[in-house]
C-alpha atoms as a PDB file:
ATOM      1  CA  UNK A   1       1.546  10.322  -7.935  1.00  0.00           C
ATOM      2  CA  UNK A   2       1.295  12.765  -5.077  1.00  0.00           C
ATOM      3  CA  UNK A   3       3.754  12.430  -2.241  1.00  0.00           C
ATOM      4  CA  UNK A   4       0.958  12.685   0.302  1.00  0.00           C
ATOM      5  CA  UNK A   5      -0.816   9.592  -1.072  1.00  0.00           C
ATOM      6  CA  UNK A   6       2.375   7.545  -0.843  1.00  0.00           C
ATOM      7  CA  UNK A   7       3.003   8.849   2.672  1.00  0.00           C
ATOM      8  CA  UNK A   8      -0.535   7.977   3.762  1.00  0.00           C
ATOM      9  CA  UNK A   9      -0.213   4.448   2.388  1.00  0.00           C
ATOM     10  CA  UNK A  10       3.179   4.046   4.029  1.00  0.00           C
ATOM     11  CA  UNK A  11       1.836   5.178   7.400  1.00  0.00           C
ATOM     12  CA  UNK A  12      -1.162   2.828   7.171  1.00  0.00           C
ATOM     13  CA  UNK A  13       1.094  -0.055   6.186  1.00  0.00           C
ATOM     14  CA  UNK A  14       3.515   0.551   9.061  1.00  0.00           C
ATOM     15  CA  UNK A  15       0.681   0.472  11.570  1.00  0.00           C
ATOM     16  CA  UNK A  16      -0.910  -2.783  10.383  1.00  0.00           C
ATOM     17  CA  UNK A  17       1.923  -4.777   8.795  1.00  0.00           C
ATOM     18  CA  UNK A  18       3.026  -6.506  12.029  1.00  0.00           C
ATOM     19  CA  UNK A  19      -0.379  -8.211  12.087  1.00  0.00           C
ATOM     20  CA  UNK A  20      -0.137  -9.574   8.530  1.00  0.00           C
ATOM     21  CA  UNK A  21       1.177 -12.777   7.093  1.00  0.00           C
ATOM     22  CA  UNK A  22       2.225 -12.810   3.418  1.00  0.00           C
ATOM     23  CA  UNK A  23      -1.280 -13.530   2.132  1.00  0.00           C
ATOM     24  CA  UNK A  24      -3.034 -10.813   4.107  1.00  0.00           C
ATOM     25  CA  UNK A  25      -0.270  -8.346   3.257  1.00  0.00           C
ATOM     26  CA  UNK A  26      -0.898  -8.844  -0.460  1.00  0.00           C
ATOM     27  CA  UNK A  27      -4.688  -8.767  -0.066  1.00  0.00           C
ATOM     28  CA  UNK A  28      -4.430  -5.490   1.843  1.00  0.00           C
ATOM     29  CA  UNK A  29      -2.109  -4.045  -0.811  1.00  0.00           C
ATOM     30  CA  UNK A  30      -4.501  -5.029  -3.602  1.00  0.00           C
ATOM     31  CA  UNK A  31      -7.458  -3.437  -1.829  1.00  0.00           C
ATOM     32  CA  UNK A  32      -5.451  -0.315  -0.983  1.00  0.00           C
ATOM     33  CA  UNK A  33      -4.327   0.135  -4.599  1.00  0.00           C
ATOM     34  CA  UNK A  34      -7.924   0.819  -5.680  1.00  0.00           C
ATOM     35  CA  UNK A  35      -8.415   3.828  -3.400  1.00  0.00           C
ATOM     36  CA  UNK A  36      -6.259   6.415  -5.217  1.00  0.00           C
ATOM     37  CA  UNK A  37      -7.485   5.335  -8.661  1.00  0.00           C
ATOM     38  CA  UNK A  38      -5.026   5.619 -11.556  1.00  0.00           C
ATOM     39  CA  UNK A  39      -1.498   5.016 -10.281  1.00  0.00           C
ATOM     40  CA  UNK A  40      -2.656   3.224  -7.154  1.00  0.00           C
ATOM     41  CA  UNK A  41      -0.492   0.165  -7.746  1.00  0.00           C
ATOM     42  CA  UNK A  42       2.600   2.347  -8.074  1.00  0.00           C
ATOM     43  CA  UNK A  43       1.626   4.293  -4.954  1.00  0.00           C
ATOM     44  CA  UNK A  44       1.292   1.078  -2.928  1.00  0.00           C
ATOM     45  CA  UNK A  45       4.617  -0.162  -4.257  1.00  0.00           C
ATOM     46  CA  UNK A  46       6.343   3.122  -3.425  1.00  0.00           C
ATOM     47  CA  UNK A  47       4.745   3.317   0.020  1.00  0.00           C
ATOM     48  CA  UNK A  48       5.294  -0.269   1.110  1.00  0.00           C
ATOM     49  CA  UNK A  49       8.041  -1.791  -0.985  1.00  0.00           C
ATOM     50  CA  UNK A  50       5.732  -4.683  -1.924  1.00  0.00           C
ATOM     51  CA  UNK A  51       6.565  -5.786  -5.455  1.00  0.00           C
ATOM     52  CA  UNK A  52       3.909  -5.601  -8.131  1.00  0.00           C
END
């Protein structure tokens, strides 16, 4: 997984995470994991620290 993808996800997460409760955080992570395709779940985990 490219470092830039993880960095992009991390930056997005940092900007919106204060607005999320636990449910919306996980919904956002699930939606975000589809964008990069294969390896997206790992990229979201690496970028946010949200467990799989």
